[in-house]
């Protein structure tokens, strides 16, 4: 008898979001494979490899944003890949509000995120509208 285990990538995302909202850096870090690699295609110099960088980045985020919150707006799953639309928010110690929206695409294997492509950007303050960019 051949038993195949199917991982639900949404469960890994739920575990990650719970850890992020609890500011539990150890639980958040454990959601990632030790050899996790990520890239941000619109910021190519931000690519890195390794779980240690996850720990470093999120530790700094929790320190900078003591009330950091992560919300999942939508998800889509295709086999071992999950697309997540996030809203990350918080207030910095200087009272400046941080709001980021975007999509992250993750590969999942054995209940860990193994790779990621992040498209997270700060929410722009209201301005001149589409006419300003359409010219």
Protein backbone atom coordinates (compact mmCIF):
# COMPACT_ATOMS: atom_id res chain seq x y z
CA UNK A 1 0.00 0.00 0.00
CA UNK A 2 1.36 3.40 -1.02
CA UNK A 3 0.39 6.25 1.31
CA UNK A 4 0.89 9.76 0.01
CA UNK A 5 0.69 12.73 2.37
CA UNK A 6 -0.83 15.89 0.96
CA UNK A 7 0.04 19.17 2.63
CA UNK A 8 -2.46 21.99 2.68
CA UNK A 9 -0.40 25.14 2.06
CA UNK A 10 -3.15 27.28 3.61
CA UNK A 11 -2.45 25.65 6.97
CA UNK A 12 1.19 26.75 6.82
CA UNK A 13 0.05 30.32 6.08
CA UNK A 14 -2.45 30.20 8.96
CA UNK A 15 0.34 29.03 11.28
CA UNK A 16 2.64 31.81 10.04
CA UNK A 17 0.01 34.55 10.44
CA UNK A 18 -0.85 33.34 13.94
CA UNK A 19 2.85 33.45 14.90
CA UNK A 20 3.32 36.91 13.35
CA UNK A 21 0.27 38.32 15.11
CA UNK A 22 1.48 36.85 18.41
CA UNK A 23 4.95 38.28 17.74
CA UNK A 24 6.29 34.77 18.32
CA UNK A 25 9.54 34.93 16.38
CA UNK A 26 10.47 31.30 17.10
CA UNK A 27 7.13 29.94 15.85
CA UNK A 28 7.26 32.22 12.80
CA UNK A 29 10.79 31.14 11.94
CA UNK A 30 9.82 27.46 12.20
CA UNK A 31 7.30 27.98 9.37
CA UNK A 32 10.25 28.33 6.97
CA UNK A 33 12.56 25.63 5.63
CA UNK A 34 16.18 26.08 6.81
CA UNK A 35 17.20 26.62 3.17
CA UNK A 36 14.30 28.97 2.38
CA UNK A 37 15.07 31.40 -0.41
CA UNK A 38 13.18 34.50 -1.35
CA UNK A 39 13.20 37.22 -3.90
CA UNK A 40 11.35 40.46 -4.38
CA UNK A 41 11.19 40.88 -8.16
CA UNK A 42 10.61 44.64 -8.00
CA UNK A 43 13.50 44.96 -5.50
CA UNK A 44 16.08 42.46 -6.83
CA UNK A 45 18.74 43.43 -4.29
CA UNK A 46 16.55 42.13 -1.43
CA UNK A 47 16.87 38.44 -2.32
CA UNK A 48 18.34 36.14 0.31
CA UNK A 49 18.59 32.53 1.41
CA UNK A 50 18.24 30.98 4.85
CA UNK A 51 15.97 30.89 7.86
CA UNK A 52 18.40 33.08 9.85
CA UNK A 53 17.51 36.14 7.76
CA UNK A 54 13.80 35.52 8.43
CA UNK A 55 14.55 35.58 12.15
CA UNK A 56 16.58 38.78 11.83
CA UNK A 57 14.05 40.63 9.66
CA UNK A 58 10.97 39.77 11.73
CA UNK A 59 12.74 40.47 15.03
CA UNK A 60 13.51 43.97 13.70
CA UNK A 61 9.93 44.38 12.44
CA UNK A 62 8.42 43.49 15.83
CA UNK A 63 10.79 45.93 17.54
CA UNK A 64 9.99 48.73 15.06
CA UNK A 65 6.22 48.01 15.05
CA UNK A 66 5.21 46.89 18.56
CA UNK A 67 1.58 46.45 17.43
CA UNK A 68 2.34 44.76 14.09
CA UNK A 69 -0.64 42.95 12.60
CA UNK A 70 -0.89 40.63 9.58
CA UNK A 71 -4.18 39.98 7.83
CA UNK A 72 -4.81 37.57 4.99
CA UNK A 73 -7.22 39.10 2.49
CA UNK A 74 -7.26 36.22 0.00
CA UNK A 75 -5.46 32.97 -0.77
CA UNK A 76 -5.26 30.63 -3.72
CA UNK A 77 -3.61 27.23 -3.78
CA UNK A 78 -2.26 25.23 -6.70
CA UNK A 79 -0.75 21.93 -5.50
CA UNK A 80 2.27 22.96 -3.40
CA UNK A 81 2.13 26.70 -4.17
CA UNK A 82 0.08 29.26 -2.26
CA UNK A 83 -0.69 32.85 -3.27
CA UNK A 84 -1.47 35.15 -0.34
CA UNK A 85 -2.76 38.71 -0.44
CA UNK A 86 -1.58 40.36 2.78
CA UNK A 87 -2.25 43.56 4.68
CA UNK A 88 0.52 44.26 7.17
CA UNK A 89 0.08 47.21 9.52
CA UNK A 90 1.32 48.80 12.69
CA UNK A 91 2.36 51.99 14.40
CA UNK A 92 6.02 52.88 14.74
CA UNK A 93 7.32 54.23 18.02
CA UNK A 94 7.36 57.74 16.48
CA UNK A 95 3.59 57.31 15.79
CA UNK A 96 4.07 56.99 12.03
CA UNK A 97 1.54 54.51 10.63
CA UNK A 98 2.81 51.65 8.47
CA UNK A 99 0.45 49.96 6.01
CA UNK A 100 1.68 47.50 3.43
CA UNK A 101 -0.39 45.58 0.92
CA UNK A 102 0.64 43.01 -1.59
CA UNK A 103 0.95 39.44 -2.66
CA UNK A 104 3.38 36.75 -1.61
CA UNK A 105 3.72 33.50 -3.51
CA UNK A 106 5.22 30.60 -1.56
CA UNK A 107 6.31 27.08 -2.34
CA UNK A 108 5.43 24.60 0.40
CA UNK A 109 7.05 21.27 1.19
CA UNK A 110 6.65 19.16 4.32
CA UNK A 111 4.74 21.92 6.16
CA UNK A 112 7.43 24.55 5.55
CA UNK A 113 7.70 27.50 3.22
CA UNK A 114 10.63 26.65 0.94
CA UNK A 115 10.71 29.65 -1.39
CA UNK A 116 8.93 32.96 -1.76
CA UNK A 117 8.33 35.79 -4.20
CA UNK A 118 7.13 38.91 -2.39
CA UNK A 119 5.33 41.86 -3.92
CA UNK A 120 4.66 43.90 -0.76
CA UNK A 121 4.58 47.68 -1.02
CA UNK A 122 3.65 50.60 1.26
CA UNK A 123 0.14 51.94 0.72
CA UNK A 124 0.40 55.31 -1.01
CA UNK A 125 -1.21 58.31 0.63
CA UNK A 126 -4.11 59.86 -1.33
CA UNK A 127 -2.86 62.00 -4.18
CA UNK A 128 -3.74 63.24 -7.64
CA UNK A 129 -5.31 59.98 -8.79
CA UNK A 130 -4.86 58.02 -11.97
CA UNK A 131 -4.57 61.17 -14.07
CA UNK A 132 -1.24 61.93 -12.42
CA UNK A 133 0.29 58.75 -13.79
CA UNK A 134 -1.70 58.41 -17.01
CA UNK A 135 -0.41 61.80 -18.16
